[in-house]
Amino acid sequence: ITESIAGSGYSPIQIAASLLGFDLEVLKKVITTRKMVAVNETYIIPLTAVQAAEARDSLSMLLYSRIFDWLVVRINQTISHPNATAFIGVLDIYGFEFFETNSFEQFTINYANEKLQQQFNQQIFKLEQVEYTKEKIDWSYIEFQDNQECVDLIEKKPIGILSLLDEETQFPKSTAETFARKLITNLSKVKNFEKPRFGNTHFTVDHYAGKVTYDTSSFLEKNKDFMVPEQVQLLDNSSLTFISNLLTKQATQAT
């Protein structure tokens, strides 16, 4: 802690604002209120003590995530050898998870697996077979399971599972039931999505590796680190260049 804020008269939020280069009053507003946009009107809603604590944690996780990304780039830059003629790369792949109860962790892990499978399909099947065709190589077309529709179901904006989750997380009265209903209302006719026969807090995704039914009970709570626009603007307006650059391309090109 610097000498300017080391005195006992400073509160934790004053110390945080000083260390991060934030305007104190703006930081207070970001932590204690939420901006809601409905049609053409904007509302400023005061948060409860519990909601304010969640907003504080969300901002902390956003900072942690961006600083972690910056640190990874710096490490890679330090240990990389651009003139090397050979190297060994190691990829640690998540295992596909399917338990009796599947929550947010299983969903994100299985999503990562879908993206890896998509990359595999793209590189091994799609691009290679395009090259074979261009070069007029005599070969038999290899059939493969294209999981693009499942990836779109999860990540496509504005109507994908992740986008709908971020949207629902912003509403103070959201519950596991309201989130599940939102998914079913918007995605019931989408391929790879199913509504289970039983339970009002569940949904099923038909992954490339098989169908998995997820329980939404903790999805909202575990998604509290979504990027709130006001928090992003707070970082952008920091008086410290390091902090204000964390959400820009400069953060992924650290020097």
C-alpha atoms as a PDB file:
ATOM      1  CA  ILE A   1       0.000   0.000   0.000  1.00  0.00           C
ATOM      2  CA  THR A   2       1.412   3.374  -0.965  1.00  0.00           C
ATOM      3  CA  GLU A   3       2.044   6.080   1.599  1.00  0.00           C
ATOM      4  CA  SER A   4      -0.860   8.159   0.265  1.00  0.00           C
ATOM      5  CA  ILE A   5      -3.405   5.549   1.314  1.00  0.00           C
ATOM      6  CA  ALA A   6      -1.659   3.892   4.214  1.00  0.00           C
ATOM      7  CA  GLY A   7      -3.436   5.947   6.857  1.00  0.00           C
ATOM      8  CA  SER A   8      -6.048   4.309   9.028  1.00  0.00           C
ATOM      9  CA  GLY A   9      -8.702   6.779   7.833  1.00  0.00           C
ATOM     10  CA  TYR A  10      -9.013   5.102   4.428  1.00  0.00           C
ATOM     11  CA  SER A  11     -11.672   2.482   3.793  1.00  0.00           C
ATOM     12  CA  PRO A  12     -11.021  -0.676   1.727  1.00  0.00           C
ATOM     13  CA  ILE A  13     -12.897   0.768  -1.268  1.00  0.00           C
ATOM     14  CA  GLN A  14     -10.730   3.913  -1.161  1.00  0.00           C
ATOM     15  CA  ILE A  15      -7.610   1.771  -1.104  1.00  0.00           C
ATOM     16  CA  ALA A  16      -8.868  -0.341  -4.019  1.00  0.00           C
ATOM     17  CA  ALA A  17      -9.758   2.760  -6.046  1.00  0.00           C
ATOM     18  CA  SER A  18      -6.313   4.265  -5.467  1.00  0.00           C
ATOM     19  CA  LEU A  19      -4.387   1.084  -6.301  1.00  0.00           C
ATOM     20  CA  LEU A  20      -6.391   0.417  -9.466  1.00  0.00           C
ATOM     21  CA  GLY A  21      -6.585   4.009 -10.694  1.00  0.00           C
ATOM     22  CA  PHE A  22     -10.382   4.182 -10.424  1.00  0.00           C
ATOM     23  CA  ASP A  23     -12.505   7.210  -9.662  1.00  0.00           C
ATOM     24  CA  LEU A  24     -13.820   6.515  -6.168  1.00  0.00           C
ATOM     25  CA  GLU A  25     -17.392   7.675  -6.815  1.00  0.00           C
ATOM     26  CA  VAL A  26     -17.616   5.720 -10.076  1.00  0.00           C
ATOM     27  CA  LEU A  27     -16.334   2.578  -8.335  1.00  0.00           C
ATOM     28  CA  LYS A  28     -18.961   2.988  -5.611  1.00  0.00           C
ATOM     29  CA  LYS A  29     -21.676   3.328  -8.261  1.00  0.00           C
ATOM     30  CA  VAL A  30     -20.497   0.253 -10.164  1.00  0.00           C
ATOM     31  CA  ILE A  31     -20.506  -1.819  -6.966  1.00  0.00           C
ATOM     32  CA  THR A  32     -23.810  -0.615  -5.510  1.00  0.00           C
ATOM     33  CA  THR A  33     -26.062  -0.135  -8.561  1.00  0.00           C
ATOM     34  CA  ARG A  34     -26.978  -1.898 -11.791  1.00  0.00           C
ATOM     35  CA  LYS A  35     -28.017  -0.291 -15.070  1.00  0.00           C
ATOM     36  CA  MET A  36     -30.982  -2.001 -16.730  1.00  0.00           C
ATOM     37  CA  VAL A  37     -32.109  -1.203 -20.272  1.00  0.00           C
ATOM     38  CA  ALA A  38     -35.730  -1.866 -21.257  1.00  0.00           C
ATOM     39  CA  VAL A  39     -36.844  -0.905 -24.768  1.00  0.00           C
ATOM     40  CA  ASN A  40     -35.864   2.788 -24.997  1.00  0.00           C
ATOM     41  CA  GLU A  41     -35.508   3.489 -21.291  1.00  0.00           C
ATOM     42  CA  THR A  42     -32.625   3.023 -18.876  1.00  0.00           C
ATOM     43  CA  TYR A  43     -33.060   2.369 -15.170  1.00  0.00           C
ATOM     44  CA  ILE A  44     -30.510   2.597 -12.361  1.00  0.00           C
ATOM     45  CA  ILE A  45     -31.399  -0.039  -9.769  1.00  0.00           C
ATOM     46  CA  PRO A  46     -29.833   0.019  -6.275  1.00  0.00           C
ATOM     47  CA  LEU A  47     -28.370  -3.315  -5.200  1.00  0.00           C
ATOM     48  CA  THR A  48     -28.852  -5.042  -1.879  1.00  0.00           C
ATOM     49  CA  ALA A  49     -25.847  -5.753   0.325  1.00  0.00           C
ATOM     50  CA  VAL A  50     -25.721  -9.327  -1.000  1.00  0.00           C
ATOM     51  CA  GLN A  51     -25.968  -8.180  -4.627  1.00  0.00           C
ATOM     52  CA  ALA A  52     -23.307  -5.514  -4.051  1.00  0.00           C
ATOM     53  CA  ALA A  53     -20.986  -8.185  -2.654  1.00  0.00           C
ATOM     54  CA  GLU A  54     -21.635 -10.253  -5.785  1.00  0.00           C
ATOM     55  CA  ALA A  55     -20.844  -7.222  -7.975  1.00  0.00           C
ATOM     56  CA  ARG A  56     -17.592  -6.749  -6.045  1.00  0.00           C
ATOM     57  CA  ASP A  57     -16.695 -10.407  -6.553  1.00  0.00           C
ATOM     58  CA  SER A  58     -17.591 -10.188 -10.244  1.00  0.00           C
ATOM     59  CA  LEU A  59     -15.239  -7.228 -10.725  1.00  0.00           C
ATOM     60  CA  SER A  60     -12.503  -9.055  -8.810  1.00  0.00           C
ATOM     61  CA  MET A  61     -12.879 -12.145 -11.009  1.00  0.00           C
ATOM     62  CA  LEU A  62     -12.795 -10.007 -14.161  1.00  0.00           C
ATOM     63  CA  LEU A  63      -9.549  -8.419 -13.017  1.00  0.00           C
ATOM     64  CA  TYR A  64      -8.080 -11.794 -12.046  1.00  0.00           C
ATOM     65  CA  SER A  65      -9.025 -13.336 -15.404  1.00  0.00           C
ATOM     66  CA  ARG A  66      -7.498 -10.526 -17.451  1.00  0.00           C
ATOM     67  CA  ILE A  67      -4.320 -10.350 -15.376  1.00  0.00           C
ATOM     68  CA  PHE A  68      -3.968 -14.138 -15.665  1.00  0.00           C
ATOM     69  CA  ASP A  69      -4.266 -13.874 -19.466  1.00  0.00           C
ATOM     70  CA  TRP A  70      -1.639 -11.119 -19.481  1.00  0.00           C
ATOM     71  CA  LEU A  71       0.676 -13.242 -17.329  1.00  0.00           C
ATOM     72  CA  VAL A  72       0.348 -16.257 -19.655  1.00  0.00           C
ATOM     73  CA  VAL A  73       1.311 -14.072 -22.628  1.00  0.00           C
ATOM     74  CA  ARG A  74       4.333 -12.725 -20.767  1.00  0.00           C
ATOM     75  CA  ILE A  75       5.474 -16.248 -19.831  1.00  0.00           C
ATOM     76  CA  ASN A  76       5.065 -17.454 -23.420  1.00  0.00           C
ATOM     77  CA  GLN A  77       7.037 -14.495 -24.717  1.00  0.00           C
ATOM     78  CA  THR A  78       9.803 -15.125 -22.206  1.00  0.00           C
ATOM     79  CA  ILE A  79      10.276 -18.838 -22.902  1.00  0.00           C
ATOM     80  CA  SER A  80       9.584 -18.821 -26.653  1.00  0.00           C
ATOM     81  CA  HIS A  81      12.412 -19.155 -29.176  1.00  0.00           C
ATOM     82  CA  PRO A  82      11.300 -17.695 -32.527  1.00  0.00           C
ATOM     83  CA  ASN A  83      14.420 -18.945 -34.318  1.00  0.00           C
ATOM     84  CA  ALA A  84      14.076 -22.533 -33.091  1.00  0.00           C
ATOM     85  CA  THR A  85      13.912 -25.175 -35.832  1.00  0.00           C
ATOM     86  CA  ALA A  86      11.979 -27.673 -33.718  1.00  0.00           C
ATOM     87  CA  PHE A  87       9.818 -27.697 -30.625  1.00  0.00           C
ATOM     88  CA  ILE A  88       7.621 -29.975 -28.535  1.00  0.00           C
ATOM     89  CA  GLY A  89       4.047 -28.865 -27.806  1.00  0.00           C
ATOM     90  CA  VAL A  90       1.883 -30.447 -25.126  1.00  0.00           C
ATOM     91  CA  LEU A  91      -1.919 -30.205 -25.157  1.00  0.00           C
ATOM     92  CA  ASP A  92      -3.740 -31.295 -22.005  1.00  0.00           C
ATOM     93  CA  ILE A  93      -7.281 -32.139 -23.139  1.00  0.00           C
ATOM     94  CA  TYR A  94     -10.227 -32.236 -20.754  1.00  0.00           C
ATOM     95  CA  GLY A  95     -12.033 -35.524 -20.474  1.00  0.00           C
ATOM     96  CA  PHE A  96     -15.706 -35.486 -21.504  1.00  0.00           C
ATOM     97  CA  GLU A  97     -17.805 -35.529 -18.313  1.00  0.00           C
ATOM     98  CA  PHE A  98     -21.176 -37.165 -17.759  1.00  0.00           C
ATOM     99  CA  PHE A  99     -22.245 -37.777 -14.144  1.00  0.00           C
ATOM    100  CA  GLU A 100     -25.476 -38.520 -12.355  1.00  0.00           C
ATOM    101  CA  THR A 101     -25.735 -34.777 -11.675  1.00  0.00           C
ATOM    102  CA  ASN A 102     -24.127 -32.434 -14.202  1.00  0.00           C
ATOM    103  CA  SER A 103     -23.660 -28.780 -13.273  1.00  0.00           C
ATOM    104  CA  PHE A 104     -21.926 -25.681 -14.638  1.00  0.00           C
ATOM    105  CA  GLU A 105     -18.467 -27.267 -14.439  1.00  0.00           C
ATOM    106  CA  GLN A 106     -19.486 -30.228 -16.589  1.00  0.00           C
ATOM    107  CA  PHE A 107     -21.159 -27.880 -19.067  1.00  0.00           C
ATOM    108  CA  THR A 108     -18.039 -25.723 -19.543  1.00  0.00           C
ATOM    109  CA  ILE A 109     -15.736 -28.746 -19.739  1.00  0.00           C
ATOM    110  CA  ASN A 110     -17.949 -30.427 -22.330  1.00  0.00           C
ATOM    111  CA  TYR A 111     -18.150 -27.147 -24.251  1.00  0.00           C
ATOM    112  CA  ALA A 112     -14.333 -27.076 -24.343  1.00  0.00           C
ATOM    113  CA  ASN A 113     -14.423 -30.629 -25.703  1.00  0.00           C
ATOM    114  CA  GLU A 114     -16.894 -29.585 -28.417  1.00  0.00           C
ATOM    115  CA  LYS A 115     -14.539 -26.775 -29.490  1.00  0.00           C
ATOM    116  CA  LEU A 116     -11.560 -29.131 -29.585  1.00  0.00           C
ATOM    117  CA  GLN A 117     -13.555 -31.638 -31.628  1.00  0.00           C
ATOM    118  CA  GLN A 118     -14.568 -28.825 -33.976  1.00  0.00           C
ATOM    119  CA  GLN A 119     -10.903 -27.874 -34.476  1.00  0.00           C
ATOM    120  CA  PHE A 120     -10.024 -31.505 -35.117  1.00  0.00           C
ATOM    121  CA  ASN A 121     -12.808 -31.789 -37.703  1.00  0.00           C
ATOM    122  CA  GLN A 122     -11.730 -28.564 -39.358  1.00  0.00           C
ATOM    123  CA  GLN A 123      -8.049 -29.452 -39.619  1.00  0.00           C
ATOM    124  CA  ILE A 124      -8.161 -33.194 -40.234  1.00  0.00           C
ATOM    125  CA  PHE A 125     -11.319 -33.665 -42.269  1.00  0.00           C
ATOM    126  CA  LYS A 126     -12.549 -30.426 -43.832  1.00  0.00           C
ATOM    127  CA  LEU A 127      -9.311 -28.639 -44.803  1.00  0.00           C
ATOM    128  CA  GLU A 128      -7.380 -31.777 -45.715  1.00  0.00           C
ATOM    129  CA  GLN A 129     -10.143 -33.047 -47.971  1.00  0.00           C
ATOM    130  CA  VAL A 130     -10.415 -29.647 -49.646  1.00  0.00           C
ATOM    131  CA  GLU A 131      -6.696 -29.863 -50.431  1.00  0.00           C
ATOM    132  CA  TYR A 132      -7.109 -33.387 -51.798  1.00  0.00           C
ATOM    133  CA  THR A 133      -9.818 -32.105 -54.125  1.00  0.00           C
ATOM    134  CA  LYS A 134      -7.689 -29.157 -55.292  1.00  0.00           C
ATOM    135  CA  GLU A 135      -4.733 -31.431 -55.990  1.00  0.00           C
ATOM    136  CA  LYS A 136      -6.994 -33.987 -57.737  1.00  0.00           C
ATOM    137  CA  ILE A 137      -5.801 -36.795 -55.512  1.00  0.00           C
ATOM    138  CA  ASP A 138      -7.607 -40.096 -55.976  1.00  0.00           C
ATOM    139  CA  TRP A 139      -9.229 -40.769 -52.599  1.00  0.00           C
ATOM    140  CA  SER A 140     -12.485 -41.782 -50.975  1.00  0.00           C
ATOM    141  CA  TYR A 141     -14.401 -39.079 -49.098  1.00  0.00           C
ATOM    142  CA  ILE A 142     -14.284 -39.608 -45.343  1.00  0.00           C
ATOM    143  CA  GLU A 143     -17.618 -39.163 -43.591  1.00  0.00           C
ATOM    144  CA  PHE A 144     -17.427 -37.496 -40.173  1.00  0.00           C
ATOM    145  CA  GLN A 145     -19.780 -36.124 -37.550  1.00  0.00           C
ATOM    146  CA  ASP A 146     -19.800 -32.330 -37.888  1.00  0.00           C
ATOM    147  CA  ASN A 147     -20.534 -30.799 -34.478  1.00  0.00           C
ATOM    148  CA  GLN A 148     -20.869 -27.196 -35.712  1.00  0.00           C
ATOM    149  CA  GLU A 149     -24.585 -27.093 -34.834  1.00  0.00           C
ATOM    150  CA  CYS A 150     -23.864 -28.103 -31.236  1.00  0.00           C
ATOM    151  CA  VAL A 151     -21.152 -25.438 -30.938  1.00  0.00           C
ATOM    152  CA  ASP A 152     -23.613 -22.856 -32.323  1.00  0.00           C
ATOM    153  CA  LEU A 153     -26.246 -23.969 -29.813  1.00  0.00           C
ATOM    154  CA  ILE A 154     -23.848 -23.163 -26.988  1.00  0.00           C
ATOM    155  CA  GLU A 155     -22.067 -20.020 -28.175  1.00  0.00           C
ATOM    156  CA  LYS A 156     -24.085 -18.381 -30.952  1.00  0.00           C
ATOM    157  CA  LYS A 157     -25.214 -14.820 -30.217  1.00  0.00           C
ATOM    158  CA  PRO A 158     -27.694 -13.497 -29.292  1.00  0.00           C
ATOM    159  CA  ILE A 159     -29.640 -16.750 -28.811  1.00  0.00           C
ATOM    160  CA  GLY A 160     -27.239 -19.358 -27.485  1.00  0.00           C
ATOM    161  CA  ILE A 161     -26.978 -21.016 -24.087  1.00  0.00           C
ATOM    162  CA  LEU A 162     -24.077 -18.819 -22.959  1.00  0.00           C
ATOM    163  CA  SER A 163     -25.687 -15.573 -24.163  1.00  0.00           C
ATOM    164  CA  LEU A 164     -28.985 -16.458 -22.497  1.00  0.00           C
ATOM    165  CA  LEU A 165     -27.123 -17.331 -19.304  1.00  0.00           C
ATOM    166  CA  ASP A 166     -25.360 -13.950 -19.246  1.00  0.00           C
ATOM    167  CA  GLU A 167     -28.680 -12.214 -19.879  1.00  0.00           C
ATOM    168  CA  GLU A 168     -30.510 -14.090 -17.128  1.00  0.00           C
ATOM    169  CA  THR A 169     -27.674 -13.528 -14.642  1.00  0.00           C
ATOM    170  CA  GLN A 170     -28.254  -9.774 -14.819  1.00  0.00           C
ATOM    171  CA  PHE A 171     -31.808  -9.978 -13.476  1.00  0.00           C
ATOM    172  CA  PRO A 172     -31.917  -9.796  -9.640  1.00  0.00           C
ATOM    173  CA  LYS A 173     -34.906 -12.149  -9.336  1.00  0.00           C
ATOM    174  CA  SER A 174     -33.579 -14.822 -11.677  1.00  0.00           C
ATOM    175  CA  THR A 175     -33.659 -18.424 -10.475  1.00  0.00           C
ATOM    176  CA  ALA A 176     -32.627 -21.804 -11.776  1.00  0.00           C
ATOM    177  CA  GLU A 177     -36.239 -22.306 -12.874  1.00  0.00           C
ATOM    178  CA  THR A 178     -36.471 -19.015 -14.804  1.00  0.00           C
ATOM    179  CA  PHE A 179     -33.182 -19.756 -16.558  1.00  0.00           C
ATOM    180  CA  ALA A 180     -34.309 -23.255 -17.554  1.00  0.00           C
ATOM    181  CA  ARG A 181     -37.601 -21.832 -18.848  1.00  0.00           C
ATOM    182  CA  LYS A 182     -35.734 -19.205 -20.875  1.00  0.00           C
ATOM    183  CA  LEU A 183     -33.609 -21.898 -22.503  1.00  0.00           C
ATOM    184  CA  ILE A 184     -36.628 -24.038 -23.337  1.00  0.00           C
ATOM    185  CA  THR A 185     -38.598 -21.046 -24.688  1.00  0.00           C
ATOM    186  CA  ASN A 186     -35.779 -19.949 -26.990  1.00  0.00           C
ATOM    187  CA  LEU A 187     -34.106 -23.218 -27.913  1.00  0.00           C
ATOM    188  CA  SER A 188     -36.738 -25.977 -27.816  1.00  0.00           C
ATOM    189  CA  LYS A 189     -36.803 -26.176 -31.632  1.00  0.00           C
ATOM    190  CA  VAL A 190     -33.033 -26.012 -32.048  1.00  0.00           C
ATOM    191  CA  LYS A 191     -31.208 -29.167 -33.038  1.00  0.00           C
ATOM    192  CA  ASN A 192     -29.063 -30.723 -30.272  1.00  0.00           C
ATOM    193  CA  PHE A 193     -31.257 -29.201 -27.523  1.00  0.00           C
ATOM    194  CA  GLU A 194     -33.908 -31.141 -25.627  1.00  0.00           C
ATOM    195  CA  LYS A 195     -36.296 -30.560 -22.758  1.00  0.00           C
ATOM    196  CA  PRO A 196     -36.137 -33.436 -20.258  1.00  0.00           C
ATOM    197  CA  ARG A 197     -39.381 -35.198 -19.401  1.00  0.00           C
ATOM    198  CA  PHE A 198     -38.973 -34.524 -15.697  1.00  0.00           C
ATOM    199  CA  GLY A 199     -37.681 -31.594 -13.633  1.00  0.00           C
ATOM    200  CA  ASN A 200     -38.028 -27.835 -14.097  1.00  0.00           C
ATOM    201  CA  THR A 201     -34.342 -26.981 -13.640  1.00  0.00           C
ATOM    202  CA  HIS A 202     -32.837 -29.193 -16.323  1.00  0.00           C
ATOM    203  CA  PHE A 203     -31.968 -29.146 -20.021  1.00  0.00           C
ATOM    204  CA  THR A 204     -30.255 -31.655 -22.307  1.00  0.00           C
ATOM    205  CA  VAL A 205     -27.545 -31.092 -24.914  1.00  0.00           C
ATOM    206  CA  ASP A 206     -26.789 -33.720 -27.532  1.00  0.00           C
ATOM    207  CA  HIS A 207     -22.982 -33.477 -27.638  1.00  0.00           C
ATOM    208  CA  TYR A 208     -20.803 -35.246 -30.192  1.00  0.00           C
ATOM    209  CA  ALA A 209     -19.928 -37.730 -27.438  1.00  0.00           C
ATOM    210  CA  GLY A 210     -23.527 -38.251 -26.303  1.00  0.00           C
ATOM    211  CA  LYS A 211     -26.479 -36.622 -24.579  1.00  0.00           C
ATOM    212  CA  VAL A 212     -25.929 -34.902 -21.234  1.00  0.00           C
ATOM    213  CA  THR A 213     -28.667 -33.496 -19.000  1.00  0.00           C
ATOM    214  CA  TYR A 214     -27.580 -30.469 -16.974  1.00  0.00           C
ATOM    215  CA  ASP A 215     -28.987 -29.174 -13.692  1.00  0.00           C
ATOM    216  CA  THR A 216     -29.273 -25.350 -13.748  1.00  0.00           C
ATOM    217  CA  SER A 217     -29.376 -25.037  -9.945  1.00  0.00           C
ATOM    218  CA  SER A 218     -25.955 -23.342  -9.672  1.00  0.00           C
ATOM    219  CA  PHE A 219     -25.508 -21.924 -13.192  1.00  0.00           C
ATOM    220  CA  LEU A 220     -26.489 -18.359 -12.261  1.00  0.00           C
ATOM    221  CA  GLU A 221     -24.371 -18.249  -9.123  1.00  0.00           C
ATOM    222  CA  LYS A 222     -21.302 -19.639 -10.907  1.00  0.00           C
ATOM    223  CA  ASN A 223     -21.699 -17.219 -13.815  1.00  0.00           C
ATOM    224  CA  LYS A 224     -21.379 -14.117 -11.651  1.00  0.00           C
ATOM    225  CA  ASP A 225     -18.077 -13.258 -13.335  1.00  0.00           C
ATOM    226  CA  PHE A 226     -19.784 -12.254 -16.584  1.00  0.00           C
ATOM    227  CA  MET A 227     -18.626  -8.913 -17.979  1.00  0.00           C
ATOM    228  CA  VAL A 228     -20.905  -6.093 -16.825  1.00  0.00           C
ATOM    229  CA  PRO A 229     -20.613  -3.121 -19.235  1.00  0.00           C
ATOM    230  CA  GLU A 230     -20.151  -0.668 -16.365  1.00  0.00           C
ATOM    231  CA  GLN A 231     -17.264  -2.742 -15.012  1.00  0.00           C
ATOM    232  CA  VAL A 232     -15.614  -2.860 -18.432  1.00  0.00           C
ATOM    233  CA  GLN A 233     -15.910   0.915 -18.731  1.00  0.00           C
ATOM    234  CA  LEU A 234     -14.456   1.298 -15.239  1.00  0.00           C
ATOM    235  CA  LEU A 235     -11.340  -0.623 -16.289  1.00  0.00           C
ATOM    236  CA  ASP A 236     -11.102   1.288 -19.560  1.00  0.00           C
ATOM    237  CA  ASN A 237     -11.127   4.598 -17.697  1.00  0.00           C
ATOM    238  CA  SER A 238      -8.460   3.639 -15.162  1.00  0.00           C
ATOM    239  CA  SER A 239      -5.681   6.205 -14.794  1.00  0.00           C
ATOM    240  CA  LEU A 240      -3.182   3.332 -14.849  1.00  0.00           C
ATOM    241  CA  THR A 241      -2.206   2.257 -18.372  1.00  0.00           C
ATOM    242  CA  PHE A 242      -1.677  -1.349 -17.297  1.00  0.00           C
ATOM    243  CA  ILE A 243      -5.250  -1.631 -15.974  1.00  0.00           C
ATOM    244  CA  SER A 244      -6.903   0.225 -18.860  1.00  0.00           C
ATOM    245  CA  ASN A 245      -5.134  -2.019 -21.392  1.00  0.00           C
ATOM    246  CA  LEU A 246      -6.255  -5.304 -19.832  1.00  0.00           C
ATOM    247  CA  LEU A 247      -9.358  -5.518 -22.042  1.00  0.00           C
ATOM    248  CA  THR A 248      -7.580  -4.509 -25.249  1.00  0.00           C
ATOM    249  CA  LYS A 249      -5.436  -6.411 -27.723  1.00  0.00           C
ATOM    250  CA  GLN A 250      -2.406  -4.994 -25.969  1.00  0.00           C
ATOM    251  CA  ALA A 251      -3.142  -7.378 -23.105  1.00  0.00           C
ATOM    252  CA  THR A 252      -2.594 -10.332 -25.441  1.00  0.00           C
ATOM    253  CA  GLN A 253       0.528  -8.787 -26.917  1.00  0.00           C
ATOM    254  CA  ALA A 254       2.245  -7.918 -23.641  1.00  0.00           C
ATOM    255  CA  THR A 255       5.768  -6.623 -23.777  1.00  0.00           C
END
